[in-house]
């Protein structure tokens, strides 16, 4: 028997980091409530994994850009 593939919406990348983080926070809240049926819980977990990977990738990219801008040496931030 063939495995059912994840719904396409669960695999789509969000438009930006802020949207991904907001959606991830909502999913975690819904999952922690204990009110989701098992099938929905599995779908939410899959979507959460996609969102988490997206957020990690974006943060790593920004960190790399900062390192390049600072010529490889991170400098402590001090408010002006």
PDB file of N, CA and C in Angstrom:
ATOM      1  N   UNK A   1       0.837  -1.166   0.000  1.00  0.00           N
ATOM      2  CA  UNK A   1       0.000   0.000   0.000  1.00  0.00           C
ATOM      3  C   UNK A   1       0.893   1.245   0.000  1.00  0.00           C
ATOM      4  N   UNK A   2       0.563   2.221  -0.849  1.00  0.00           N
ATOM      5  CA  UNK A   2       1.359   3.443  -0.968  1.00  0.00           C
ATOM      6  C   UNK A   2       1.050   4.380   0.191  1.00  0.00           C
ATOM      7  N   UNK A   3       2.084   5.084   0.628  1.00  0.00           N
ATOM      8  CA  UNK A   3       1.931   6.068   1.697  1.00  0.00           C
ATOM      9  C   UNK A   3       1.262   7.321   1.158  1.00  0.00           C
ATOM     10  N   UNK A   4       0.359   7.892   1.916  1.00  0.00           N
ATOM     11  CA  UNK A   4      -0.258   9.151   1.513  1.00  0.00           C
ATOM     12  C   UNK A   4       0.761  10.268   1.702  1.00  0.00           C
ATOM     13  N   UNK A   5       0.881  11.125   0.706  1.00  0.00           N
ATOM     14  CA  UNK A   5       1.833  12.228   0.819  1.00  0.00           C
ATOM     15  C   UNK A   5       1.220  13.354   1.636  1.00  0.00           C
ATOM     16  N   UNK A   6       2.088  14.179   2.198  1.00  0.00           N
ATOM     17  CA  UNK A   6       1.629  15.308   2.999  1.00  0.00           C
ATOM     18  C   UNK A   6       0.899  16.287   2.095  1.00  0.00           C
ATOM     19  N   UNK A   7      -0.137  16.953   2.623  1.00  0.00           N
ATOM     20  CA  UNK A   7      -0.840  17.952   1.816  1.00  0.00           C
ATOM     21  C   UNK A   7       0.138  19.026   1.335  1.00  0.00           C
ATOM     22  N   UNK A   8      -0.103  19.523   0.133  1.00  0.00           N
ATOM     23  CA  UNK A   8       0.792  20.511  -0.465  1.00  0.00           C
ATOM     24  C   UNK A   8       0.930  21.745   0.412  1.00  0.00           C
ATOM     25  N   UNK A   9      -0.140  22.195   1.054  1.00  0.00           N
ATOM     26  CA  UNK A   9      -0.083  23.397   1.895  1.00  0.00           C
ATOM     27  C   UNK A   9       0.898  23.219   3.047  1.00  0.00           C
ATOM     28  N   UNK A  10       1.041  22.002   3.551  1.00  0.00           N
ATOM     29  CA  UNK A  10       1.956  21.755   4.665  1.00  0.00           C
ATOM     30  C   UNK A  10       3.406  21.904   4.239  1.00  0.00           C
ATOM     31  N   UNK A  11       3.676  21.759   2.951  1.00  0.00           N
ATOM     32  CA  UNK A  11       5.047  21.798   2.459  1.00  0.00           C
ATOM     33  C   UNK A  11       5.443  23.155   1.886  1.00  0.00           C
ATOM     34  N   UNK A  12       4.483  24.049   1.691  1.00  0.00           N
ATOM     35  CA  UNK A  12       4.770  25.346   1.088  1.00  0.00           C
ATOM     36  C   UNK A  12       5.554  26.236   2.039  1.00  0.00           C
ATOM     37  N   UNK A  13       6.535  26.930   1.486  1.00  0.00           N
ATOM     38  CA  UNK A  13       7.322  27.868   2.285  1.00  0.00           C
ATOM     39  C   UNK A  13       6.493  29.130   2.533  1.00  0.00           C
ATOM     40  N   UNK A  14       6.615  29.694   3.713  1.00  0.00           N
ATOM     41  CA  UNK A  14       5.897  30.933   4.007  1.00  0.00           C
ATOM     42  C   UNK A  14       6.519  32.102   3.242  1.00  0.00           C
ATOM     43  N   UNK A  15       5.791  33.220   3.131  1.00  0.00           N
ATOM     44  CA  UNK A  15       6.318  34.360   2.367  1.00  0.00           C
ATOM     45  C   UNK A  15       7.497  35.072   3.031  1.00  0.00           C
ATOM     46  N   UNK A  16       7.566  35.016   4.368  1.00  0.00           N
ATOM     47  CA  UNK A  16       8.670  35.685   5.068  1.00  0.00           C
ATOM     48  C   UNK A  16       8.820  35.122   6.477  1.00  0.00           C
ATOM     49  N   UNK A  17       9.893  35.537   7.145  1.00  0.00           N
ATOM     50  CA  UNK A  17      10.217  35.030   8.480  1.00  0.00           C
ATOM     51  C   UNK A  17       9.119  35.353   9.497  1.00  0.00           C
ATOM     52  N   UNK A  18       8.634  36.580   9.479  1.00  0.00           N
ATOM     53  CA  UNK A  18       7.642  36.998  10.462  1.00  0.00           C
ATOM     54  C   UNK A  18       6.352  36.181  10.341  1.00  0.00           C
ATOM     55  N   UNK A  19       5.935  35.930   9.117  1.00  0.00           N
ATOM     56  CA  UNK A  19       4.736  35.114   8.886  1.00  0.00           C
ATOM     57  C   UNK A  19       4.967  33.689   9.366  1.00  0.00           C
ATOM     58  N   UNK A  20       6.143  33.149   9.083  1.00  0.00           N
ATOM     59  CA  UNK A  20       6.476  31.782   9.503  1.00  0.00           C
ATOM     60  C   UNK A  20       6.467  31.671  11.020  1.00  0.00           C
ATOM     61  N   UNK A  21       7.069  32.633  11.690  1.00  0.00           N
ATOM     62  CA  UNK A  21       7.134  32.599  13.145  1.00  0.00           C
ATOM     63  C   UNK A  21       5.745  32.716  13.763  1.00  0.00           C
ATOM     64  N   UNK A  22       4.939  33.598  13.232  1.00  0.00           N
ATOM     65  CA  UNK A  22       3.579  33.766  13.740  1.00  0.00           C
ATOM     66  C   UNK A  22       2.760  32.487  13.560  1.00  0.00           C
ATOM     67  N   UNK A  23       2.850  31.886  12.375  1.00  0.00           N
ATOM     68  CA  UNK A  23       2.122  30.646  12.118  1.00  0.00           C
ATOM     69  C   UNK A  23       2.615  29.528  13.025  1.00  0.00           C
ATOM     70  N   UNK A  24       3.917  29.459  13.232  1.00  0.00           N
ATOM     71  CA  UNK A  24       4.501  28.434  14.103  1.00  0.00           C
ATOM     72  C   UNK A  24       4.000  28.605  15.538  1.00  0.00           C
ATOM     73  N   UNK A  25       3.961  29.832  16.017  1.00  0.00           N
ATOM     74  CA  UNK A  25       3.461  30.096  17.374  1.00  0.00           C
ATOM     75  C   UNK A  25       2.003  29.676  17.512  1.00  0.00           C
ATOM     76  N   UNK A  26       1.192  29.955  16.493  1.00  0.00           N
ATOM     77  CA  UNK A  26      -0.216  29.552  16.521  1.00  0.00           C
ATOM     78  C   UNK A  26      -0.363  28.031  16.534  1.00  0.00           C
ATOM     79  N   UNK A  27       0.444  27.368  15.711  1.00  0.00           N
ATOM     80  CA  UNK A  27       0.388  25.898  15.667  1.00  0.00           C
ATOM     81  C   UNK A  27       0.766  25.283  17.009  1.00  0.00           C
ATOM     82  N   UNK A  28       1.817  25.789  17.614  1.00  0.00           N
ATOM     83  CA  UNK A  28       2.254  25.264  18.911  1.00  0.00           C
ATOM     84  C   UNK A  28       1.152  25.461  19.950  1.00  0.00           C
ATOM     85  N   UNK A  29       0.544  26.618  19.950  1.00  0.00           N
ATOM     86  CA  UNK A  29      -0.538  26.894  20.897  1.00  0.00           C
ATOM     87  C   UNK A  29      -1.704  25.919  20.700  1.00  0.00           C
ATOM     88  N   UNK A  30      -2.082  25.700  19.448  1.00  0.00           N
ATOM     89  CA  UNK A  30      -3.182  24.774  19.152  1.00  0.00           C
ATOM     90  C   UNK A  30      -2.825  23.349  19.554  1.00  0.00           C
ATOM     91  N   UNK A  31      -1.593  22.952  19.274  1.00  0.00           N
ATOM     92  CA  UNK A  31      -1.173  21.592  19.604  1.00  0.00           C
ATOM     93  C   UNK A  31      -1.113  21.392  21.112  1.00  0.00           C
ATOM     94  N   UNK A  32      -0.650  22.399  21.836  1.00  0.00           N
ATOM     95  CA  UNK A  32      -0.541  22.290  23.289  1.00  0.00           C
ATOM     96  C   UNK A  32      -1.901  22.295  23.976  1.00  0.00           C
ATOM     97  N   UNK A  33      -2.915  22.792  23.292  1.00  0.00           N
ATOM     98  CA  UNK A  33      -4.250  22.846  23.893  1.00  0.00           C
ATOM     99  C   UNK A  33      -4.832  21.454  24.108  1.00  0.00           C
ATOM    100  N   UNK A  34      -4.348  20.485  23.339  1.00  0.00           N
ATOM    101  CA  UNK A  34      -4.851  19.121  23.469  1.00  0.00           C
ATOM    102  C   UNK A  34      -6.217  18.909  22.843  1.00  0.00           C
ATOM    103  N   UNK A  35      -6.676  19.864  22.058  1.00  0.00           N
ATOM    104  CA  UNK A  35      -8.010  19.778  21.471  1.00  0.00           C
ATOM    105  C   UNK A  35      -8.014  19.357  20.004  1.00  0.00           C
ATOM    106  N   UNK A  36      -6.827  19.100  19.427  1.00  0.00           N
ATOM    107  CA  UNK A  36      -6.762  18.730  18.011  1.00  0.00           C
ATOM    108  C   UNK A  36      -6.929  17.225  17.848  1.00  0.00           C
ATOM    109  N   UNK A  37      -7.732  16.811  16.869  1.00  0.00           N
ATOM    110  CA  UNK A  37      -7.811  15.382  16.554  1.00  0.00           C
ATOM    111  C   UNK A  37      -6.456  14.884  16.055  1.00  0.00           C
ATOM    112  N   UNK A  38      -6.220  13.611  16.170  1.00  0.00           N
ATOM    113  CA  UNK A  38      -4.923  13.021  15.837  1.00  0.00           C
ATOM    114  C   UNK A  38      -4.484  13.339  14.411  1.00  0.00           C
ATOM    115  N   UNK A  39      -5.388  13.239  13.436  1.00  0.00           N
ATOM    116  CA  UNK A  39      -5.024  13.519  12.046  1.00  0.00           C
ATOM    117  C   UNK A  39      -4.581  14.964  11.872  1.00  0.00           C
ATOM    118  N   UNK A  40      -5.285  15.888  12.500  1.00  0.00           N
ATOM    119  CA  UNK A  40      -4.907  17.301  12.423  1.00  0.00           C
ATOM    120  C   UNK A  40      -3.597  17.543  13.149  1.00  0.00           C
ATOM    121  N   UNK A  41      -3.389  16.836  14.238  1.00  0.00           N
ATOM    122  CA  UNK A  41      -2.157  16.981  15.011  1.00  0.00           C
ATOM    123  C   UNK A  41      -0.951  16.576  14.168  1.00  0.00           C
ATOM    124  N   UNK A  42      -1.076  15.505  13.434  1.00  0.00           N
ATOM    125  CA  UNK A  42       0.012  15.056  12.565  1.00  0.00           C
ATOM    126  C   UNK A  42       0.298  16.093  11.480  1.00  0.00           C
ATOM    127  N   UNK A  43      -0.742  16.625  10.875  1.00  0.00           N
ATOM    128  CA  UNK A  43      -0.571  17.657   9.850  1.00  0.00           C
ATOM    129  C   UNK A  43       0.056  18.914  10.419  1.00  0.00           C
ATOM    130  N   UNK A  44      -0.356  19.289  11.627  1.00  0.00           N
ATOM    131  CA  UNK A  44       0.205  20.472  12.278  1.00  0.00           C
ATOM    132  C   UNK A  44       1.676  20.253  12.597  1.00  0.00           C
ATOM    133  N   UNK A  45       2.022  19.044  13.011  1.00  0.00           N
ATOM    134  CA  UNK A  45       3.421  18.727  13.304  1.00  0.00           C
ATOM    135  C   UNK A  45       4.271  18.834  12.035  1.00  0.00           C
ATOM    136  N   UNK A  46       3.750  18.298  10.940  1.00  0.00           N
ATOM    137  CA  UNK A  46       4.478  18.370   9.665  1.00  0.00           C
ATOM    138  C   UNK A  46       4.665  19.818   9.231  1.00  0.00           C
ATOM    139  N   UNK A  47       3.612  20.622   9.336  1.00  0.00           N
ATOM    140  CA  UNK A  47       3.706  22.027   8.958  1.00  0.00           C
ATOM    141  C   UNK A  47       4.685  22.755   9.885  1.00  0.00           C
ATOM    142  N   UNK A  48       4.631  22.438  11.164  1.00  0.00           N
ATOM    143  CA  UNK A  48       5.543  23.040  12.122  1.00  0.00           C
ATOM    144  C   UNK A  48       6.994  22.732  11.801  1.00  0.00           C
ATOM    145  N   UNK A  49       7.268  21.515  11.357  1.00  0.00           N
ATOM    146  CA  UNK A  49       8.632  21.138  10.994  1.00  0.00           C
ATOM    147  C   UNK A  49       9.110  21.956   9.800  1.00  0.00           C
ATOM    148  N   UNK A  50       8.231  22.193   8.822  1.00  0.00           N
ATOM    149  CA  UNK A  50       8.576  23.011   7.662  1.00  0.00           C
ATOM    150  C   UNK A  50       8.854  24.447   8.100  1.00  0.00           C
ATOM    151  N   UNK A  51       7.984  24.988   8.951  1.00  0.00           N
ATOM    152  CA  UNK A  51       8.147  26.366   9.418  1.00  0.00           C
ATOM    153  C   UNK A  51       9.417  26.528  10.246  1.00  0.00           C
ATOM    154  N   UNK A  52       9.696  25.558  11.105  1.00  0.00           N
ATOM    155  CA  UNK A  52      10.895  25.623  11.940  1.00  0.00           C
ATOM    156  C   UNK A  52      12.159  25.598  11.075  1.00  0.00           C
ATOM    157  N   UNK A  53      12.185  24.733  10.082  1.00  0.00           N
ATOM    158  CA  UNK A  53      13.341  24.667   9.184  1.00  0.00           C
ATOM    159  C   UNK A  53      13.505  25.986   8.429  1.00  0.00           C
ATOM    160  N   UNK A  54      12.402  26.563   7.985  1.00  0.00           N
ATOM    161  CA  UNK A  54      12.447  27.842   7.272  1.00  0.00           C
ATOM    162  C   UNK A  54      13.031  28.928   8.174  1.00  0.00           C
ATOM    163  N   UNK A  55      12.545  29.009   9.414  1.00  0.00           N
ATOM    164  CA  UNK A  55      13.029  30.025  10.355  1.00  0.00           C
ATOM    165  C   UNK A  55      14.515  29.837  10.661  1.00  0.00           C
ATOM    166  N   UNK A  56      14.927  28.599  10.879  1.00  0.00           N
ATOM    167  CA  UNK A  56      16.344  28.324  11.152  1.00  0.00           C
ATOM    168  C   UNK A  56      17.215  28.745   9.979  1.00  0.00           C
ATOM    169  N   UNK A  57      16.762  28.438   8.770  1.00  0.00           N
ATOM    170  CA  UNK A  57      17.530  28.804   7.575  1.00  0.00           C
ATOM    171  C   UNK A  57      17.642  30.312   7.431  1.00  0.00           C
ATOM    172  N   UNK A  58      16.547  31.024   7.663  1.00  0.00           N
ATOM    173  CA  UNK A  58      16.565  32.485   7.549  1.00  0.00           C
ATOM    174  C   UNK A  58      17.497  33.094   8.589  1.00  0.00           C
ATOM    175  N   UNK A  59      17.416  32.608   9.821  1.00  0.00           N
ATOM    176  CA  UNK A  59      18.281  33.138  10.872  1.00  0.00           C
ATOM    177  C   UNK A  59      19.756  32.857  10.577  1.00  0.00           C
ATOM    178  N   UNK A  60      20.056  31.675  10.067  1.00  0.00           N
ATOM    179  CA  UNK A  60      21.433  31.342   9.719  1.00  0.00           C
ATOM    180  C   UNK A  60      21.937  32.241   8.586  1.00  0.00           C
ATOM    181  N   UNK A  61      21.078  32.532   7.617  1.00  0.00           N
ATOM    182  CA  UNK A  61      21.463  33.397   6.509  1.00  0.00           C
ATOM    183  C   UNK A  61      21.751  34.809   6.997  1.00  0.00           C
ATOM    184  N   UNK A  62      20.919  35.306   7.900  1.00  0.00           N
ATOM    185  CA  UNK A  62      21.133  36.646   8.441  1.00  0.00           C
ATOM    186  C   UNK A  62      22.421  36.678   9.263  1.00  0.00           C
ATOM    187  N   UNK A  63      22.643  35.654  10.057  1.00  0.00           N
ATOM    188  CA  UNK A  63      23.872  35.587  10.848  1.00  0.00           C
ATOM    189  C   UNK A  63      25.100  35.597   9.937  1.00  0.00           C
ATOM    190  N   UNK A  64      25.036  34.866   8.845  1.00  0.00           N
ATOM    191  CA  UNK A  64      26.149  34.839   7.894  1.00  0.00           C
ATOM    192  C   UNK A  64      26.361  36.214   7.269  1.00  0.00           C
ATOM    193  N   UNK A  65      25.288  36.900   6.929  1.00  0.00           N
ATOM    194  CA  UNK A  65      25.405  38.237   6.354  1.00  0.00           C
ATOM    195  C   UNK A  65      26.039  39.206   7.344  1.00  0.00           C
ATOM    196  N   UNK A  66      25.672  39.081   8.613  1.00  0.00           N
ATOM    197  CA  UNK A  66      26.254  39.948   9.642  1.00  0.00           C
ATOM    198  C   UNK A  66      27.745  39.682   9.770  1.00  0.00           C
ATOM    199  N   UNK A  67      28.133  38.418   9.738  1.00  0.00           N
ATOM    200  CA  UNK A  67      29.557  38.081   9.818  1.00  0.00           C
ATOM    201  C   UNK A  67      30.326  38.673   8.647  1.00  0.00           C
ATOM    202  N   UNK A  68      29.750  38.617   7.469  1.00  0.00           N
ATOM    203  CA  UNK A  68      30.406  39.185   6.294  1.00  0.00           C
ATOM    204  C   UNK A  68      30.517  40.699   6.445  1.00  0.00           C
ATOM    205  N   UNK A  69      29.439  41.333   6.884  1.00  0.00           N
ATOM    206  CA  UNK A  69      29.471  42.791   7.056  1.00  0.00           C
ATOM    207  C   UNK A  69      30.484  43.219   8.101  1.00  0.00           C
ATOM    208  N   UNK A  70      30.666  42.415   9.119  1.00  0.00           N
ATOM    209  CA  UNK A  70      31.623  42.732  10.183  1.00  0.00           C
ATOM    210  C   UNK A  70      33.001  42.138   9.894  1.00  0.00           C
ATOM    211  N   UNK A  71      33.225  41.700   8.667  1.00  0.00           N
ATOM    212  CA  UNK A  71      34.488  41.116   8.240  1.00  0.00           C
ATOM    213  C   UNK A  71      34.901  39.918   9.098  1.00  0.00           C
ATOM    214  N   UNK A  72      33.915  39.094   9.402  1.00  0.00           N
ATOM    215  CA  UNK A  72      34.194  37.851  10.100  1.00  0.00           C
ATOM    216  C   UNK A  72      34.268  37.945  11.600  1.00  0.00           C
ATOM    217  N   UNK A  73      34.158  39.117  12.153  1.00  0.00           N
ATOM    218  CA  UNK A  73      34.237  39.250  13.605  1.00  0.00           C
ATOM    219  C   UNK A  73      32.957  39.917  14.114  1.00  0.00           C
ATOM    220  N   UNK A  74      32.171  39.174  14.866  1.00  0.00           N
ATOM    221  CA  UNK A  74      30.968  39.763  15.440  1.00  0.00           C
ATOM    222  C   UNK A  74      31.360  40.782  16.500  1.00  0.00           C
ATOM    223  N   UNK A  75      30.724  41.912  16.450  1.00  0.00           N
ATOM    224  CA  UNK A  75      31.005  42.981  17.404  1.00  0.00           C
ATOM    225  C   UNK A  75      29.827  43.123  18.356  1.00  0.00           C
ATOM    226  N   UNK A  76      30.087  43.403  19.622  1.00  0.00           N
ATOM    227  CA  UNK A  76      28.957  43.587  20.532  1.00  0.00           C
ATOM    228  C   UNK A  76      28.145  44.820  20.145  1.00  0.00           C
ATOM    229  N   UNK A  77      26.862  44.703  20.264  1.00  0.00           N
ATOM    230  CA  UNK A  77      25.976  45.812  19.915  1.00  0.00           C
ATOM    231  C   UNK A  77      25.810  46.709  21.127  1.00  0.00           C
ATOM    232  N   UNK A  78      25.960  47.978  20.901  1.00  0.00           N
ATOM    233  CA  UNK A  78      25.730  48.955  21.965  1.00  0.00           C
ATOM    234  C   UNK A  78      24.771  50.010  21.451  1.00  0.00           C
ATOM    235  N   UNK A  79      23.704  50.256  22.188  1.00  0.00           N
ATOM    236  CA  UNK A  79      22.733  51.258  21.721  1.00  0.00           C
ATOM    237  C   UNK A  79      23.359  52.646  21.732  1.00  0.00           C
ATOM    238  N   UNK A  80      22.970  53.459  20.766  1.00  0.00           N
ATOM    239  CA  UNK A  80      23.513  54.818  20.661  1.00  0.00           C
ATOM    240  C   UNK A  80      22.648  55.824  21.373  1.00  0.00           C
TER     241      UNK A  80
END
